[in-house]
Amino acid sequence: MNDFLDAYKHLEKICSEIFDQQHGITQYIDEMGNTPRSSSNNIPNWDRDLENLKRVRHIRNAMVHDPSYSTDDYQTKDVEFLKDFYNRILQQQDPLSLLRIQARAASHKPAPVTINPQTYIPGSSSINSTKPSSFNHVNPDNDEWDTSKFIFFFIVVMTFIGIFGWIAFYIFF
């Protein structure tokens, strides 16, 4: 009985330190119980660990609070589970640590690649576009550059027309 209670106290202490409150194992169980199934599905032995934590908590509460409790209800495997779970917490291999590691890894995944509407298709000689051809600008965000080029060419063309107009006027009149 003492080996079970000693192992339970060690696990209770580390869980209380993790959650910074009393009843650390109960808090650990509550955290696991409040975790969405979609998140816990990828954590190995999640259900088994949750079931075992509830079992050892029940055994401990019965030992401490029920004078008629028989110490035959706990088994060697319960003590082994408590010690193993304690070591897994130290190694960050317990269910909640694995869940945090999984969430952190998911948040660092590169952003999905978005496909540009003007997509090159291998084996073809053209660009496939979902826009009408009149909207296929090479760089639609560069309208200022296009406007300044237009004004420049307009001035150059008008200057040549003006110069040739004066030349033609002096020659023919």
N, C-alpha and C. Protein backbone atom coordinates (compact mmCIF):
# COMPACT_ATOMS: atom_id res chain seq x y z
N MET A 1 0.82 -1.19 0.00
CA MET A 1 0.00 0.00 0.00
C MET A 1 0.87 1.26 0.00
N ASN A 2 1.96 1.22 0.76
CA ASN A 2 2.84 2.38 0.82
C ASN A 2 3.50 2.68 -0.52
N ASP A 3 3.87 1.62 -1.25
CA ASP A 3 4.49 1.85 -2.55
C ASP A 3 3.52 2.55 -3.51
N PHE A 4 2.24 2.17 -3.46
CA PHE A 4 1.23 2.82 -4.30
C PHE A 4 1.08 4.29 -3.90
N LEU A 5 0.91 4.55 -2.61
CA LEU A 5 0.72 5.93 -2.15
C LEU A 5 1.96 6.79 -2.40
N ASP A 6 3.14 6.20 -2.25
CA ASP A 6 4.37 6.96 -2.54
C ASP A 6 4.45 7.34 -4.02
N ALA A 7 4.16 6.39 -4.88
CA ALA A 7 4.19 6.67 -6.32
C ALA A 7 3.12 7.69 -6.69
N TYR A 8 1.95 7.57 -6.06
CA TYR A 8 0.87 8.52 -6.32
C TYR A 8 1.27 9.93 -5.87
N LYS A 9 1.89 10.04 -4.69
CA LYS A 9 2.30 11.35 -4.18
C LYS A 9 3.33 12.01 -5.10
N HIS A 10 4.26 11.21 -5.63
CA HIS A 10 5.25 11.77 -6.56
C HIS A 10 4.57 12.32 -7.82
N LEU A 11 3.66 11.54 -8.36
CA LEU A 11 2.95 11.99 -9.56
C LEU A 11 2.07 13.20 -9.24
N GLU A 12 1.42 13.18 -8.10
CA GLU A 12 0.57 14.31 -7.68
C GLU A 12 1.40 15.58 -7.56
N LYS A 13 2.59 15.44 -6.99
CA LYS A 13 3.45 16.62 -6.79
C LYS A 13 3.88 17.23 -8.12
N ILE A 14 4.33 16.41 -9.05
CA ILE A 14 4.79 16.96 -10.33
C ILE A 14 3.62 17.55 -11.13
N CYS A 15 2.47 16.91 -11.07
CA CYS A 15 1.29 17.45 -11.77
C CYS A 15 0.84 18.77 -11.13
N SER A 16 0.92 18.85 -9.81
CA SER A 16 0.56 20.10 -9.11
C SER A 16 1.52 21.22 -9.50
N GLU A 17 2.79 20.89 -9.67
CA GLU A 17 3.77 21.89 -10.11
C GLU A 17 3.51 22.33 -11.55
N ILE A 18 3.12 21.41 -12.39
CA ILE A 18 2.83 21.74 -13.79
C ILE A 18 1.67 22.72 -13.87
N PHE A 19 0.61 22.44 -13.12
CA PHE A 19 -0.60 23.27 -13.20
C PHE A 19 -0.64 24.37 -12.15
N ASP A 20 0.36 24.41 -11.28
CA ASP A 20 0.46 25.43 -10.24
C ASP A 20 -0.79 25.49 -9.38
N GLN A 21 -1.26 24.32 -8.98
CA GLN A 21 -2.41 24.24 -8.08
C GLN A 21 -2.47 22.85 -7.44
N GLN A 22 -3.27 22.74 -6.39
CA GLN A 22 -3.43 21.45 -5.72
C GLN A 22 -4.21 20.50 -6.62
N HIS A 23 -4.18 19.25 -6.26
CA HIS A 23 -4.90 18.21 -7.00
C HIS A 23 -4.46 18.16 -8.47
N GLY A 24 -3.16 18.03 -8.64
CA GLY A 24 -2.58 18.05 -9.99
C GLY A 24 -3.05 16.93 -10.88
N ILE A 25 -3.23 15.73 -10.32
CA ILE A 25 -3.68 14.61 -11.15
C ILE A 25 -5.11 14.86 -11.63
N THR A 26 -5.95 15.40 -10.76
CA THR A 26 -7.32 15.73 -11.17
C THR A 26 -7.29 16.79 -12.26
N GLN A 27 -6.42 17.78 -12.13
CA GLN A 27 -6.30 18.82 -13.17
C GLN A 27 -5.82 18.20 -14.49
N TYR A 28 -4.87 17.27 -14.39
CA TYR A 28 -4.36 16.60 -15.58
C TYR A 28 -5.50 15.84 -16.27
N ILE A 29 -6.29 15.12 -15.48
CA ILE A 29 -7.43 14.37 -16.02
C ILE A 29 -8.43 15.32 -16.68
N ASP A 30 -8.70 16.44 -16.02
CA ASP A 30 -9.65 17.43 -16.58
C ASP A 30 -9.14 17.99 -17.90
N GLU A 31 -7.84 18.29 -17.96
CA GLU A 31 -7.25 18.81 -19.22
C GLU A 31 -7.39 17.79 -20.34
N MET A 32 -7.13 16.55 -20.03
CA MET A 32 -7.27 15.50 -21.04
C MET A 32 -8.74 15.37 -21.46
N GLY A 33 -9.64 15.43 -20.49
CA GLY A 33 -11.06 15.29 -20.78
C GLY A 33 -11.62 16.45 -21.59
N ASN A 34 -11.02 17.64 -21.44
CA ASN A 34 -11.49 18.83 -22.18
C ASN A 34 -10.84 18.99 -23.54
N THR A 35 -9.92 18.11 -23.87
CA THR A 35 -9.24 18.17 -25.16
C THR A 35 -10.14 17.59 -26.24
N PRO A 36 -10.33 18.32 -27.35
CA PRO A 36 -11.17 17.79 -28.43
C PRO A 36 -10.62 16.47 -28.97
N ARG A 37 -11.53 15.62 -29.31
CA ARG A 37 -11.16 14.28 -29.83
C ARG A 37 -10.29 14.40 -31.08
N SER A 38 -10.57 15.41 -31.89
CA SER A 38 -9.79 15.58 -33.12
C SER A 38 -8.32 15.86 -32.82
N SER A 39 -8.03 16.46 -31.67
CA SER A 39 -6.64 16.74 -31.30
C SER A 39 -5.97 15.54 -30.65
N SER A 40 -6.74 14.79 -29.87
CA SER A 40 -6.14 13.69 -29.12
C SER A 40 -6.02 12.39 -29.92
N ASN A 41 -6.67 12.32 -31.08
CA ASN A 41 -6.63 11.09 -31.89
C ASN A 41 -5.21 10.68 -32.29
N ASN A 42 -4.33 11.66 -32.47
CA ASN A 42 -2.98 11.36 -32.94
C ASN A 42 -2.00 11.09 -31.80
N ILE A 43 -2.46 11.16 -30.56
CA ILE A 43 -1.58 10.92 -29.42
C ILE A 43 -1.69 9.44 -29.02
N PRO A 44 -0.56 8.72 -29.04
CA PRO A 44 -0.61 7.29 -28.72
C PRO A 44 -1.08 7.05 -27.27
N ASN A 45 -1.92 6.06 -27.09
CA ASN A 45 -2.40 5.59 -25.78
C ASN A 45 -3.16 6.65 -24.98
N TRP A 46 -3.74 7.63 -25.63
CA TRP A 46 -4.46 8.70 -24.95
C TRP A 46 -5.57 8.13 -24.05
N ASP A 47 -6.42 7.31 -24.64
CA ASP A 47 -7.56 6.76 -23.89
C ASP A 47 -7.10 5.86 -22.75
N ARG A 48 -6.11 5.05 -23.00
CA ARG A 48 -5.59 4.14 -21.97
C ARG A 48 -5.01 4.93 -20.80
N ASP A 49 -4.23 5.98 -21.10
CA ASP A 49 -3.65 6.80 -20.04
C ASP A 49 -4.74 7.51 -19.23
N LEU A 50 -5.74 8.03 -19.91
CA LEU A 50 -6.83 8.71 -19.22
C LEU A 50 -7.57 7.74 -18.30
N GLU A 51 -7.85 6.57 -18.81
CA GLU A 51 -8.53 5.54 -18.01
C GLU A 51 -7.70 5.14 -16.80
N ASN A 52 -6.39 4.95 -17.00
CA ASN A 52 -5.52 4.55 -15.89
C ASN A 52 -5.39 5.67 -14.85
N LEU A 53 -5.31 6.92 -15.30
CA LEU A 53 -5.24 8.03 -14.34
C LEU A 53 -6.51 8.09 -13.48
N LYS A 54 -7.65 7.90 -14.11
CA LYS A 54 -8.91 7.89 -13.34
C LYS A 54 -8.93 6.72 -12.36
N ARG A 55 -8.42 5.59 -12.82
CA ARG A 55 -8.41 4.39 -11.96
C ARG A 55 -7.53 4.61 -10.73
N VAL A 56 -6.30 5.09 -10.93
CA VAL A 56 -5.40 5.26 -9.79
C VAL A 56 -5.88 6.38 -8.86
N ARG A 57 -6.52 7.40 -9.41
CA ARG A 57 -7.08 8.44 -8.55
C ARG A 57 -8.20 7.86 -7.68
N HIS A 58 -9.04 7.03 -8.29
CA HIS A 58 -10.13 6.40 -7.55
C HIS A 58 -9.57 5.50 -6.44
N ILE A 59 -8.55 4.72 -6.77
CA ILE A 59 -7.93 3.83 -5.77
C ILE A 59 -7.35 4.65 -4.63
N ARG A 60 -6.62 5.71 -4.95
CA ARG A 60 -6.01 6.56 -3.92
C ARG A 60 -7.08 7.18 -3.03
N ASN A 61 -8.16 7.72 -3.64
CA ASN A 61 -9.22 8.34 -2.84
C ASN A 61 -9.89 7.31 -1.92
N ALA A 62 -10.07 6.11 -2.43
CA ALA A 62 -10.67 5.06 -1.60
C ALA A 62 -9.74 4.68 -0.45
N MET A 63 -8.45 4.58 -0.72
CA MET A 63 -7.48 4.23 0.33
C MET A 63 -7.48 5.27 1.45
N VAL A 64 -7.52 6.53 1.07
CA VAL A 64 -7.39 7.61 2.04
C VAL A 64 -8.70 7.91 2.76
N HIS A 65 -9.81 7.82 2.06
CA HIS A 65 -11.08 8.28 2.62
C HIS A 65 -12.03 7.17 3.06
N ASP A 66 -11.79 5.94 2.66
CA ASP A 66 -12.71 4.85 2.99
C ASP A 66 -12.00 3.85 3.91
N PRO A 67 -12.36 3.83 5.20
CA PRO A 67 -11.68 2.93 6.13
C PRO A 67 -11.91 1.44 5.83
N SER A 68 -12.99 1.14 5.14
CA SER A 68 -13.26 -0.26 4.84
C SER A 68 -12.61 -0.71 3.52
N TYR A 69 -11.81 0.15 2.93
CA TYR A 69 -11.19 -0.17 1.63
C TYR A 69 -10.17 -1.29 1.79
N SER A 70 -10.24 -2.24 0.87
CA SER A 70 -9.31 -3.35 0.86
C SER A 70 -8.13 -3.00 -0.04
N THR A 71 -6.95 -3.18 0.46
CA THR A 71 -5.76 -2.85 -0.34
C THR A 71 -5.54 -3.84 -1.48
N ASP A 72 -6.40 -4.83 -1.56
CA ASP A 72 -6.28 -5.80 -2.65
C ASP A 72 -6.76 -5.23 -3.98
N ASP A 73 -7.43 -4.06 -3.96
CA ASP A 73 -7.97 -3.50 -5.20
C ASP A 73 -6.89 -2.93 -6.12
N TYR A 74 -5.76 -2.55 -5.58
CA TYR A 74 -4.70 -2.05 -6.46
C TYR A 74 -3.75 -3.19 -6.78
N GLN A 75 -3.12 -3.07 -7.93
CA GLN A 75 -2.23 -4.13 -8.39
C GLN A 75 -0.85 -3.56 -8.64
N THR A 76 0.09 -4.41 -8.85
CA THR A 76 1.46 -3.98 -9.15
C THR A 76 1.49 -3.14 -10.42
N LYS A 77 0.62 -3.47 -11.37
CA LYS A 77 0.60 -2.71 -12.62
C LYS A 77 0.18 -1.26 -12.38
N ASP A 78 -0.60 -0.99 -11.33
CA ASP A 78 -0.99 0.38 -11.01
C ASP A 78 0.20 1.19 -10.51
N VAL A 79 1.04 0.57 -9.69
CA VAL A 79 2.25 1.23 -9.21
C VAL A 79 3.20 1.47 -10.39
N GLU A 80 3.33 0.48 -11.24
CA GLU A 80 4.19 0.61 -12.43
C GLU A 80 3.68 1.73 -13.34
N PHE A 81 2.36 1.82 -13.51
CA PHE A 81 1.80 2.90 -14.32
C PHE A 81 2.14 4.26 -13.72
N LEU A 82 1.97 4.42 -12.40
CA LEU A 82 2.27 5.71 -11.75
C LEU A 82 3.73 6.11 -11.96
N LYS A 83 4.63 5.16 -11.80
CA LYS A 83 6.06 5.44 -11.98
C LYS A 83 6.38 5.74 -13.45
N ASP A 84 5.81 4.96 -14.34
CA ASP A 84 6.03 5.17 -15.77
C ASP A 84 5.49 6.53 -16.21
N PHE A 85 4.29 6.87 -15.75
CA PHE A 85 3.69 8.14 -16.14
C PHE A 85 4.52 9.32 -15.61
N TYR A 86 5.03 9.19 -14.40
CA TYR A 86 5.90 10.21 -13.82
C TYR A 86 7.14 10.42 -14.71
N ASN A 87 7.76 9.33 -15.11
CA ASN A 87 8.96 9.41 -15.97
C ASN A 87 8.62 9.98 -17.34
N ARG A 88 7.47 9.64 -17.87
CA ARG A 88 7.06 10.19 -19.16
C ARG A 88 6.85 11.70 -19.08
N ILE A 89 6.35 12.18 -17.96
CA ILE A 89 6.21 13.63 -17.78
C ILE A 89 7.60 14.28 -17.77
N LEU A 90 8.53 13.68 -17.06
CA LEU A 90 9.89 14.22 -17.02
C LEU A 90 10.53 14.28 -18.41
N GLN A 91 10.21 13.29 -19.24
CA GLN A 91 10.78 13.21 -20.58
C GLN A 91 9.91 13.90 -21.63
N GLN A 92 8.85 14.55 -21.21
CA GLN A 92 7.88 15.21 -22.09
C GLN A 92 7.32 14.24 -23.12
N GLN A 93 7.00 13.04 -22.66
CA GLN A 93 6.39 12.03 -23.50
C GLN A 93 5.01 11.64 -23.00
N ASP A 94 4.48 12.42 -22.07
CA ASP A 94 3.13 12.19 -21.56
C ASP A 94 2.12 12.77 -22.56
N PRO A 95 0.84 12.42 -22.45
CA PRO A 95 -0.14 12.85 -23.45
C PRO A 95 -0.24 14.37 -23.65
N LEU A 96 -0.27 15.15 -22.58
CA LEU A 96 -0.42 16.60 -22.75
C LEU A 96 0.85 17.24 -23.33
N SER A 97 2.02 16.72 -22.99
CA SER A 97 3.26 17.22 -23.60
C SER A 97 3.27 16.90 -25.10
N LEU A 98 2.88 15.68 -25.45
CA LEU A 98 2.83 15.30 -26.86
C LEU A 98 1.82 16.15 -27.62
N LEU A 99 0.72 16.49 -26.96
CA LEU A 99 -0.28 17.35 -27.58
C LEU A 99 0.28 18.74 -27.85
N ARG A 100 1.02 19.30 -26.89
CA ARG A 100 1.64 20.62 -27.08
C ARG A 100 2.69 20.57 -28.19
N ILE A 101 3.47 19.51 -28.23
CA ILE A 101 4.49 19.36 -29.28
C ILE A 101 3.81 19.28 -30.64
N GLN A 102 2.74 18.52 -30.72
CA GLN A 102 1.98 18.39 -31.97
C GLN A 102 1.40 19.74 -32.40
N ALA A 103 0.85 20.49 -31.47
CA ALA A 103 0.27 21.80 -31.79
C ALA A 103 1.34 22.78 -32.24
N ARG A 104 2.49 22.74 -31.59
CA ARG A 104 3.59 23.62 -31.97
C ARG A 104 4.10 23.28 -33.36
N ALA A 105 4.21 22.01 -33.66
CA ALA A 105 4.67 21.59 -34.99
C ALA A 105 3.66 22.01 -36.06
N ALA A 106 2.39 21.91 -35.75
CA ALA A 106 1.36 22.30 -36.72
C ALA A 106 1.38 23.80 -36.96
N SER A 107 1.72 24.58 -35.95
CA SER A 107 1.72 26.03 -36.12
C SER A 107 2.95 26.50 -36.90
N HIS A 108 3.98 25.67 -37.01
CA HIS A 108 5.18 26.04 -37.75
C HIS A 108 5.22 25.47 -39.16
N LYS A 109 4.13 24.88 -39.59
CA LYS A 109 4.10 24.37 -40.95
C LYS A 109 4.11 25.54 -41.92
N PRO A 110 4.77 25.39 -43.06
CA PRO A 110 4.76 26.48 -44.04
C PRO A 110 3.35 26.71 -44.56
N ALA A 111 3.10 27.94 -44.92
CA ALA A 111 1.79 28.30 -45.45
C ALA A 111 1.54 27.54 -46.75
N PRO A 112 0.30 27.18 -47.01
CA PRO A 112 0.02 26.48 -48.26
C PRO A 112 0.31 27.37 -49.45
N VAL A 113 0.76 26.75 -50.52
CA VAL A 113 1.10 27.48 -51.73
C VAL A 113 -0.19 27.83 -52.47
N THR A 114 -0.32 29.10 -52.80
CA THR A 114 -1.49 29.52 -53.57
C THR A 114 -1.10 29.56 -55.04
N ILE A 115 -2.02 29.18 -55.88
CA ILE A 115 -1.76 29.13 -57.31
C ILE A 115 -2.14 30.46 -57.93
N ASN A 116 -1.20 31.02 -58.67
CA ASN A 116 -1.43 32.27 -59.38
C ASN A 116 -2.44 32.01 -60.51
N PRO A 117 -3.37 32.94 -60.76
CA PRO A 117 -4.33 32.74 -61.84
C PRO A 117 -3.66 32.52 -63.19
N GLN A 118 -2.44 33.01 -63.35
CA GLN A 118 -1.70 32.78 -64.59
C GLN A 118 -0.69 31.67 -64.32
N THR A 119 -1.13 30.46 -64.51
CA THR A 119 -0.33 29.30 -64.16
C THR A 119 0.26 28.67 -65.40
N TYR A 120 1.54 28.39 -65.33
CA TYR A 120 2.20 27.69 -66.42
C TYR A 120 1.88 26.22 -66.32
N ILE A 121 1.46 25.63 -67.43
CA ILE A 121 1.17 24.21 -67.46
C ILE A 121 2.28 23.53 -68.24
N PRO A 122 3.03 22.63 -67.58
CA PRO A 122 4.13 21.95 -68.27
C PRO A 122 3.63 21.24 -69.52
N GLY A 123 4.41 21.33 -70.57
CA GLY A 123 4.05 20.67 -71.82
C GLY A 123 3.25 21.56 -72.75
N SER A 124 2.82 22.71 -72.29
CA SER A 124 2.09 23.62 -73.18
C SER A 124 2.95 24.85 -73.40
N SER A 125 2.62 25.60 -74.42
CA SER A 125 3.43 26.77 -74.74
C SER A 125 2.77 28.06 -74.29
N SER A 126 1.69 27.94 -73.54
CA SER A 126 1.00 29.15 -73.13
C SER A 126 0.76 29.16 -71.63
N ILE A 127 0.28 30.28 -71.19
CA ILE A 127 -0.09 30.44 -69.78
C ILE A 127 -1.59 30.26 -69.69
N ASN A 128 -2.01 29.41 -68.78
CA ASN A 128 -3.43 29.18 -68.55
C ASN A 128 -3.92 30.23 -67.58
N SER A 129 -5.00 30.89 -67.88
CA SER A 129 -5.51 31.92 -67.02
C SER A 129 -6.99 31.74 -66.81
N THR A 130 -7.45 32.09 -65.60
CA THR A 130 -8.88 32.02 -65.31
C THR A 130 -9.54 33.36 -65.59
N LYS A 131 -8.76 34.39 -65.95
CA LYS A 131 -9.31 35.71 -66.24
C LYS A 131 -9.45 35.88 -67.75
N PRO A 132 -10.35 36.77 -68.21
CA PRO A 132 -10.41 37.07 -69.64
C PRO A 132 -9.09 37.66 -70.11
N SER A 133 -8.76 37.48 -71.38
CA SER A 133 -7.46 37.89 -71.89
C SER A 133 -7.24 39.39 -71.77
N SER A 134 -8.30 40.21 -71.77
CA SER A 134 -8.11 41.65 -71.65
C SER A 134 -7.60 42.04 -70.27
N PHE A 135 -7.66 41.12 -69.29
CA PHE A 135 -7.20 41.42 -67.95
C PHE A 135 -5.87 40.76 -67.62
N ASN A 136 -5.24 40.13 -68.58
CA ASN A 136 -3.98 39.44 -68.33
C ASN A 136 -2.82 40.41 -68.35
N HIS A 137 -2.70 41.22 -67.32
CA HIS A 137 -1.56 42.11 -67.19
C HIS A 137 -0.41 41.34 -66.57
N VAL A 138 0.77 41.69 -66.96
CA VAL A 138 1.93 41.03 -66.38
C VAL A 138 2.05 41.39 -64.91
N ASN A 139 1.83 42.68 -64.62
CA ASN A 139 1.91 43.12 -63.23
C ASN A 139 0.82 44.16 -62.98
N PRO A 140 -0.37 43.73 -62.60
CA PRO A 140 -1.48 44.68 -62.46
C PRO A 140 -1.29 45.66 -61.31
N ASP A 141 -0.39 45.38 -60.36
CA ASP A 141 -0.16 46.30 -59.26
C ASP A 141 0.75 47.46 -59.66
N ASN A 142 1.27 47.43 -60.86
CA ASN A 142 2.22 48.44 -61.30
C ASN A 142 1.56 49.43 -62.26
N ASP A 143 0.35 49.88 -61.96
CA ASP A 143 -0.40 50.79 -62.84
C ASP A 143 0.30 52.13 -62.97
N GLU A 144 0.96 52.62 -61.94
CA GLU A 144 1.62 53.92 -62.00
C GLU A 144 2.73 53.91 -63.05
N TRP A 145 3.49 52.84 -63.12
CA TRP A 145 4.55 52.72 -64.11
C TRP A 145 3.95 52.69 -65.51
N ASP A 146 2.87 51.97 -65.71
CA ASP A 146 2.22 51.92 -67.01
C ASP A 146 1.70 53.29 -67.42
N THR A 147 1.14 54.05 -66.51
CA THR A 147 0.62 55.38 -66.79
C THR A 147 1.75 56.33 -67.16
N SER A 148 2.84 56.26 -66.43
CA SER A 148 3.96 57.16 -66.73
C SER A 148 4.60 56.81 -68.08
N LYS A 149 4.66 55.54 -68.43
CA LYS A 149 5.18 55.15 -69.74
C LYS A 149 4.27 55.67 -70.85
N PHE A 150 2.97 55.59 -70.66
CA PHE A 150 2.01 56.08 -71.64
C PHE A 150 2.19 57.59 -71.86
N ILE A 151 2.30 58.32 -70.76
CA ILE A 151 2.46 59.78 -70.88
C ILE A 151 3.76 60.11 -71.60
N PHE A 152 4.84 59.40 -71.26
CA PHE A 152 6.12 59.63 -71.91
C PHE A 152 6.02 59.39 -73.42
N PHE A 153 5.48 58.25 -73.82
CA PHE A 153 5.36 57.96 -75.24
C PHE A 153 4.39 58.92 -75.95
N PHE A 154 3.37 59.34 -75.27
CA PHE A 154 2.43 60.31 -75.85
C PHE A 154 3.14 61.63 -76.14
N ILE A 155 3.96 62.08 -75.17
CA ILE A 155 4.70 63.33 -75.37
C ILE A 155 5.71 63.19 -76.49
N VAL A 156 6.42 62.06 -76.54
CA VAL A 156 7.40 61.83 -77.60
C VAL A 156 6.72 61.83 -78.97
N VAL A 157 5.60 61.13 -79.11
CA VAL A 157 4.88 61.06 -80.39
C VAL A 157 4.36 62.44 -80.78
N MET A 158 3.79 63.16 -79.83
CA MET A 158 3.26 64.50 -80.15
C MET A 158 4.38 65.46 -80.55
N THR A 159 5.55 65.29 -79.91
CA THR A 159 6.70 66.14 -80.27
C THR A 159 7.12 65.87 -81.71
N PHE A 160 7.22 64.58 -82.08
CA PHE A 160 7.59 64.26 -83.47
C PHE A 160 6.55 64.77 -84.46
N ILE A 161 5.29 64.64 -84.14
CA ILE A 161 4.23 65.15 -85.02
C ILE A 161 4.36 66.66 -85.15
N GLY A 162 4.64 67.32 -84.03
CA GLY A 162 4.80 68.78 -84.07
C GLY A 162 5.99 69.20 -84.91
N ILE A 163 7.12 68.49 -84.72
CA ILE A 163 8.33 68.83 -85.48
C ILE A 163 8.10 68.59 -86.96
N PHE A 164 7.56 67.40 -87.30
CA PHE A 164 7.33 67.11 -88.72
C PHE A 164 6.24 68.03 -89.29
N GLY A 165 5.31 68.43 -88.48
CA GLY A 165 4.28 69.37 -88.94
C GLY A 165 4.88 70.71 -89.31
N TRP A 166 5.80 71.24 -88.52
CA TRP A 166 6.45 72.52 -88.82
C TRP A 166 7.33 72.39 -90.07
N ILE A 167 8.02 71.25 -90.15
CA ILE A 167 8.88 71.04 -91.33
C ILE A 167 8.01 70.99 -92.58
N ALA A 168 6.92 70.24 -92.52
CA ALA A 168 6.04 70.15 -93.69
C ALA A 168 5.42 71.51 -94.02
N PHE A 169 5.11 72.30 -93.02
CA PHE A 169 4.52 73.62 -93.27
C PHE A 169 5.51 74.53 -93.98
N TYR A 170 6.80 74.53 -93.58
CA TYR A 170 7.80 75.38 -94.24
C TYR A 170 8.13 74.89 -95.64
N ILE A 171 8.11 73.58 -95.85
CA ILE A 171 8.44 73.04 -97.17
C ILE A 171 7.34 73.35 -98.18
N PHE A 172 6.10 73.11 -97.81
CA PHE A 172 5.02 73.24 -98.79
C PHE A 172 4.41 74.63 -98.83
N PHE A 173 4.60 75.47 -97.92
CA PHE A 173 4.00 76.82 -98.00
C PHE A 173 5.04 77.83 -98.00
